[in-house]
Amino acid sequence: MSQGMIYNIQRMSLHDGPGLRTTVFLKGCPLTCLWCSNPESQQVKPQLMCFTELCTACGTCSEVCPSDAVIEIDGKFGCDSDKCTSCGTCTEKCAGKAREISGRTMTVEEVMKEVRKDSLFYDNSGGGVTFGGGEPTSGGQFFLDMVEAAVNEGIHVTVDTCGYCPEERFDRTIELADLFLFDCKHMNPEEHKKLTGVDNKIILRNLGAALSSNKEVRVRMPLMPDMNDSEENIAAMAKFLKGYGHDKVEVMPCHAFGRNKYAALGWEYKMDREYTPQQLDEVFKRFADHGLKTEII
């Protein structure tokens, strides 16, 4: 039975497709987007996250750590990432729940056992299961096995994807899934690489394949000030989407919701910016001028 790395299973989700859904978040992503709000999703391996704002400074973590990886910072207890093995011993003893391990290995059947718990709600609401990440397709055969298991049980399947996936695997995903939530970050390959670490050649190929299929596709755009909201980029997106008879974009304006996660991982947070209402209105006008209908999500 195939297995892979899951970092969260969220039940009763309302924003990851139609109806009430269970969202399965796979760990691992080939992109390193500057604005990523789930940095714990990028690496496939388990990671210790230290939320120092919850730390009661009891020192128990330091006493039980087998790797001597606990360090004191301004009266709180953090982590020396060079020493930490993410064994989870400290998380089991942390009374304040300030330390947690992101990521655990699960089998397809273990995931499906969680998904089945809300099957009644799927039937009554038109919901189902959504596979997200990270990038779910980077889970390889484990991902495909989960999708196929859900399909075989008659559960509606949504895939929330950045589209960076080998063609053969993505084409198989198109055959299986009911709905795609497809991120479209930038149309220019060089700019896309600056923002995400990879170019967009395979992404645009896979987006075209999805739009050409008989499956429902919702194109989503994380909107970043002065990064991907230019007249040129929006015009290029409109031209590409209209070539497939598609004229709707679900827009996700930038936010700082992931800031505390970066701190918990000991990573630098680089996206401290947001739109003013006037700036956002100007960007939406660009979409409208090019015949694209927008919806904020």
Protein backbone atom coordinates (compact mmCIF):
# COMPACT_ATOMS: atom_id res chain seq x y z
CA MET A 1 0.00 0.00 0.00
CA SER A 2 1.53 3.34 -1.04
CA GLN A 3 2.23 5.98 1.54
CA GLY A 4 3.29 9.60 1.67
CA MET A 5 3.75 12.69 3.79
CA ILE A 6 0.63 14.53 5.03
CA TYR A 7 0.84 17.69 7.13
CA ASN A 8 -2.85 18.34 7.77
CA ILE A 9 -6.31 16.94 7.18
CA GLN A 10 -8.93 19.64 7.59
CA ARG A 11 -12.53 18.58 7.95
CA MET A 12 -15.61 20.70 7.20
CA SER A 13 -13.77 22.98 4.73
CA LEU A 14 -15.94 25.51 2.92
CA HIS A 15 -13.51 27.22 0.55
CA ASP A 16 -11.76 24.34 -1.22
CA GLY A 17 -14.48 23.40 -3.69
CA PRO A 18 -18.26 22.91 -3.60
CA GLY A 19 -20.14 21.86 -0.48
CA LEU A 20 -18.61 20.63 2.75
CA ARG A 21 -15.23 19.06 2.13
CA THR A 22 -12.32 17.30 3.74
CA THR A 23 -9.05 18.84 2.57
CA VAL A 24 -5.98 16.62 2.58
CA PHE A 25 -2.74 18.62 2.56
CA LEU A 26 0.28 16.80 1.15
CA LYS A 27 3.72 17.96 2.23
CA GLY A 28 6.19 18.93 -0.46
CA CYS A 29 6.18 21.50 -3.26
CA PRO A 30 8.50 22.10 -6.25
CA LEU A 31 7.84 25.86 -5.99
CA THR A 32 9.17 28.30 -3.40
CA CYS A 33 6.77 31.19 -3.88
CA LEU A 34 7.85 34.40 -2.16
CA TRP A 35 4.34 34.83 -0.74
CA CYS A 36 3.75 31.24 0.38
CA SER A 37 1.42 31.29 3.40
CA ASN A 38 2.07 27.64 4.28
CA PRO A 39 5.88 27.42 4.41
CA GLU A 40 5.65 24.15 6.34
CA SER A 41 4.25 22.60 3.17
CA GLN A 42 7.37 23.13 1.05
CA GLN A 43 9.69 20.41 2.35
CA VAL A 44 8.65 16.76 2.22
CA LYS A 45 10.27 15.85 5.54
CA PRO A 46 8.65 16.37 8.99
CA GLN A 47 9.57 19.71 10.60
CA LEU A 48 9.41 21.03 14.14
CA MET A 49 7.50 24.30 14.50
CA CYS A 50 8.04 26.39 17.65
CA PHE A 51 5.33 28.93 18.40
CA THR A 52 7.19 30.93 21.02
CA GLU A 53 4.18 33.13 21.75
CA LEU A 54 2.60 30.05 23.36
CA CYS A 55 5.74 29.04 25.26
CA THR A 56 5.33 29.10 29.06
CA ALA A 57 9.11 28.85 29.59
CA CYS A 58 8.74 25.75 31.74
CA GLY A 59 11.88 24.21 30.26
CA THR A 60 10.49 20.70 29.92
CA CYS A 61 11.39 20.58 26.23
CA SER A 62 15.02 21.23 27.08
CA GLU A 63 15.02 18.44 29.63
CA VAL A 64 13.62 15.76 27.30
CA CYS A 65 15.27 16.66 23.96
CA PRO A 66 17.61 13.80 23.02
CA SER A 67 19.56 15.98 20.55
CA ASP A 68 20.29 18.98 22.78
CA ALA A 69 18.51 21.09 20.15
CA VAL A 70 16.46 23.33 22.46
CA ILE A 71 17.78 26.88 22.82
CA GLU A 72 16.60 29.78 24.97
CA ILE A 73 15.74 33.03 23.22
CA ASP A 74 14.54 36.05 25.21
CA GLY A 75 13.17 33.87 27.97
CA LYS A 76 11.38 31.48 25.57
CA PHE A 77 12.49 28.10 24.25
CA GLY A 78 13.14 27.69 20.55
CA CYS A 79 15.06 25.27 18.36
CA ASP A 80 18.53 24.85 16.89
CA SER A 81 17.56 23.59 13.43
CA ASP A 82 21.07 22.24 12.80
CA LYS A 83 20.70 19.82 15.72
CA CYS A 84 16.96 19.10 15.66
CA THR A 85 15.92 15.75 14.17
CA SER A 86 12.16 16.47 14.36
CA CYS A 87 11.70 13.39 16.52
CA GLY A 88 8.71 14.96 18.30
CA THR A 89 9.80 14.10 21.85
CA CYS A 90 9.49 17.73 22.97
CA THR A 91 6.04 18.13 21.43
CA GLU A 92 4.70 15.27 23.55
CA LYS A 93 5.77 17.04 26.76
CA CYS A 94 4.93 20.66 25.86
CA ALA A 95 2.04 21.68 28.12
CA GLY A 96 1.52 24.96 26.27
CA LYS A 97 1.24 23.29 22.85
CA ALA A 98 3.96 25.64 21.65
CA ARG A 99 5.81 22.92 19.76
CA GLU A 100 4.41 20.71 17.03
CA ILE A 101 5.64 18.45 14.27
CA SER A 102 4.38 19.30 10.79
CA GLY A 103 4.18 16.17 8.66
CA ARG A 104 3.58 12.50 9.22
CA THR A 105 3.69 9.45 7.00
CA MET A 106 0.25 8.01 6.19
CA THR A 107 -1.01 5.21 3.98
CA VAL A 108 -3.79 5.64 1.46
CA GLU A 109 -6.16 3.67 3.69
CA GLU A 110 -5.32 5.82 6.73
CA VAL A 111 -6.15 8.95 4.73
CA MET A 112 -9.34 7.47 3.35
CA LYS A 113 -10.44 6.46 6.85
CA GLU A 114 -10.41 10.16 7.76
CA VAL A 115 -12.11 11.18 4.52
CA ARG A 116 -14.97 8.69 5.04
CA LYS A 117 -15.88 10.20 8.41
CA ASP A 118 -17.79 13.02 6.69
CA SER A 119 -19.29 11.06 3.80
CA LEU A 120 -22.82 11.88 4.95
CA PHE A 121 -22.04 15.60 4.74
CA TYR A 122 -20.63 15.17 1.24
CA ASP A 123 -23.87 13.56 0.10
CA ASN A 124 -26.07 16.26 1.63
CA SER A 125 -24.01 19.29 0.55
CA GLY A 126 -22.54 18.22 -2.78
CA GLY A 127 -19.11 18.18 -1.19
CA GLY A 128 -16.23 15.74 -1.22
CA VAL A 129 -12.48 15.58 -0.77
CA THR A 130 -9.92 18.15 -1.89
CA PHE A 131 -6.26 17.29 -2.31
CA GLY A 132 -3.98 20.26 -1.73
CA GLY A 133 -0.53 21.04 -0.42
CA GLY A 134 2.16 22.05 -0.95
CA GLU A 135 1.63 20.64 -4.39
CA PRO A 136 -0.47 17.46 -4.18
CA THR A 137 0.69 16.01 -7.50
CA SER A 138 4.27 15.97 -6.19
CA GLY A 139 3.08 13.07 -4.02
CA GLY A 140 3.46 10.88 -7.11
CA GLN A 141 1.85 7.46 -6.98
CA PHE A 142 0.66 8.05 -3.41
CA PHE A 143 -1.36 11.03 -4.64
CA LEU A 144 -2.79 9.15 -7.62
CA ASP A 145 -3.72 6.18 -5.41
CA MET A 146 -5.64 8.46 -3.03
CA VAL A 147 -7.50 10.15 -5.88
CA GLU A 148 -8.37 6.79 -7.41
CA ALA A 149 -9.54 5.44 -4.04
CA ALA A 150 -11.87 8.42 -3.58
CA VAL A 151 -13.21 8.12 -7.12
CA ASN A 152 -13.88 4.40 -6.64
CA GLU A 153 -15.97 5.24 -3.58
CA GLY A 154 -18.03 7.80 -5.48
CA ILE A 155 -16.56 10.81 -3.66
CA HIS A 156 -16.27 14.10 -5.54
CA VAL A 157 -12.57 14.95 -5.99
CA THR A 158 -11.07 18.43 -6.25
CA VAL A 159 -7.35 18.99 -6.87
CA ASP A 160 -5.86 22.30 -5.72
CA THR A 161 -2.72 22.60 -7.84
CA CYS A 162 0.03 24.90 -9.07
CA GLY A 163 0.25 22.72 -12.17
CA TYR A 164 3.96 21.94 -11.90
CA CYS A 165 3.71 18.23 -12.61
CA PRO A 166 5.01 15.73 -15.20
CA GLU A 167 2.63 15.57 -18.16
CA GLU A 168 1.78 11.90 -17.82
CA ARG A 169 0.87 12.24 -14.15
CA PHE A 170 -1.18 15.37 -14.73
CA ASP A 171 -3.06 13.82 -17.64
CA ARG A 172 -3.94 10.88 -15.41
CA THR A 173 -5.13 13.34 -12.77
CA ILE A 174 -7.39 14.98 -15.37
CA GLU A 175 -8.92 11.58 -16.11
CA LEU A 176 -9.72 11.01 -12.43
CA ALA A 177 -10.58 14.35 -10.81
CA ASP A 178 -13.87 16.27 -11.02
CA LEU A 179 -12.62 19.81 -10.38
CA PHE A 180 -9.33 21.69 -10.55
CA LEU A 181 -8.44 24.78 -8.52
CA PHE A 182 -5.51 25.87 -10.67
CA ASP A 183 -3.12 28.64 -9.59
CA CYS A 184 -1.92 30.94 -12.36
CA LYS A 185 0.86 33.07 -10.89
CA HIS A 186 2.61 34.76 -13.82
CA MET A 187 2.56 34.37 -17.60
CA ASN A 188 6.19 35.36 -18.25
CA PRO A 189 8.54 32.38 -17.70
CA GLU A 190 11.46 34.47 -16.42
CA GLU A 191 9.30 36.46 -14.01
CA HIS A 192 7.62 33.25 -12.89
CA LYS A 193 11.02 31.81 -12.04
CA LYS A 194 11.99 34.90 -10.05
CA LEU A 195 8.81 34.64 -7.98
CA THR A 196 8.55 30.88 -7.54
CA GLY A 197 11.92 29.31 -8.33
CA VAL A 198 10.73 27.57 -11.52
CA ASP A 199 9.58 28.67 -14.97
CA ASN A 200 6.00 28.12 -16.13
CA LYS A 201 6.39 26.02 -19.30
CA ILE A 202 4.97 22.79 -17.89
CA ILE A 203 2.44 24.74 -15.82
CA LEU A 204 0.91 26.43 -18.86
CA ARG A 205 0.92 23.15 -20.74
CA ASN A 206 -0.99 21.46 -17.92
CA LEU A 207 -3.37 24.39 -17.51
CA GLY A 208 -4.16 24.20 -21.22
CA ALA A 209 -4.75 20.45 -20.93
CA ALA A 210 -7.13 20.95 -18.02
CA LEU A 211 -9.03 23.75 -19.77
CA SER A 212 -9.31 21.59 -22.90
CA SER A 213 -10.82 18.70 -20.96
CA ASN A 214 -14.44 18.24 -19.98
CA LYS A 215 -13.57 18.82 -16.32
CA GLU A 216 -14.40 21.95 -14.35
CA VAL A 217 -11.45 24.30 -13.87
CA ARG A 218 -11.36 27.34 -11.61
CA VAL A 219 -8.36 29.52 -12.37
CA ARG A 220 -6.98 31.21 -9.28
CA MET A 221 -4.45 34.03 -9.08
CA PRO A 222 -2.54 34.99 -5.92
CA LEU A 223 -2.33 38.75 -6.44
CA MET A 224 0.91 40.42 -5.34
CA PRO A 225 1.57 44.19 -5.51
CA ASP A 226 4.11 45.08 -8.20
CA MET A 227 4.89 41.40 -8.79
CA ASN A 228 2.17 39.95 -10.99
CA ASP A 229 -0.54 42.62 -11.20
CA SER A 230 0.84 44.57 -14.16
CA GLU A 231 -1.13 45.50 -17.25
CA GLU A 232 1.17 43.32 -19.34
CA ASN A 233 0.74 40.21 -17.21
CA ILE A 234 -3.03 40.50 -16.92
CA ALA A 235 -3.32 41.06 -20.68
CA ALA A 236 -1.23 37.95 -21.34
CA MET A 237 -3.36 35.92 -18.93
CA ALA A 238 -6.56 37.10 -20.60
CA LYS A 239 -5.23 36.15 -24.04
CA PHE A 240 -4.21 32.68 -22.83
CA LEU A 241 -7.45 31.91 -20.99
CA LYS A 242 -9.72 33.23 -23.74
CA GLY A 243 -7.90 30.95 -26.16
CA TYR A 244 -9.59 28.12 -24.24
CA GLY A 245 -12.95 29.89 -23.90
CA HIS A 246 -12.31 30.78 -20.25
CA ASP A 247 -12.93 34.30 -18.89
CA LYS A 248 -13.11 33.95 -15.08
CA VAL A 249 -10.37 34.35 -12.48
CA GLU A 250 -10.67 33.82 -8.74
CA VAL A 251 -8.37 36.40 -7.14
CA MET A 252 -6.53 35.95 -3.84
CA PRO A 253 -5.05 39.33 -2.73
CA CYS A 254 -1.87 39.10 -0.64
CA HIS A 255 -2.11 38.71 3.13
CA ALA A 256 0.18 38.07 6.08
CA PHE A 257 -1.62 35.05 7.54
CA GLY A 258 1.49 32.87 7.32
CA ARG A 259 3.82 35.21 9.20
CA ASN A 260 3.76 33.26 12.49
CA LYS A 261 4.54 30.02 10.65
CA TYR A 262 7.77 31.46 9.28
CA ALA A 263 8.76 32.48 12.79
CA ALA A 264 7.86 29.00 14.05
CA LEU A 265 10.21 27.45 11.47
CA GLY A 266 12.94 30.00 12.10
CA TRP A 267 12.61 31.35 8.55
CA GLU A 268 12.65 34.95 7.38
CA TYR A 269 9.29 36.43 6.33
CA LYS A 270 9.69 38.55 3.19
CA MET A 271 6.17 39.53 2.14
CA ASP A 272 5.18 42.35 4.47
CA ARG A 273 2.94 44.20 2.02
CA GLU A 274 -0.72 44.57 1.12
CA TYR A 275 -3.04 46.51 -1.16
CA THR A 276 -4.95 49.64 -0.27
CA PRO A 277 -8.60 49.51 -1.41
CA GLN A 278 -7.81 52.05 -4.14
CA GLN A 279 -4.88 50.00 -5.46
CA LEU A 280 -7.02 46.87 -5.53
CA ASP A 281 -9.76 48.68 -7.45
CA GLU A 282 -7.19 49.73 -10.05
CA VAL A 283 -6.01 46.15 -10.48
CA PHE A 284 -9.55 44.83 -10.85
CA LYS A 285 -10.16 47.44 -13.54
CA ARG A 286 -7.26 45.95 -15.51
CA PHE A 287 -8.94 42.55 -15.40
CA ALA A 288 -12.24 44.04 -16.54
CA ASP A 289 -10.58 46.02 -19.35
CA HIS A 290 -9.31 42.72 -20.75
CA GLY A 291 -12.66 40.98 -20.46
CA LEU A 292 -11.89 38.87 -17.39
CA LYS A 293 -14.50 38.41 -14.68
CA THR A 294 -13.05 38.36 -11.18
CA GLU A 295 -14.13 37.08 -7.79
CA ILE A 296 -12.24 37.57 -4.53
CA ILE A 297 -11.78 34.39 -2.51
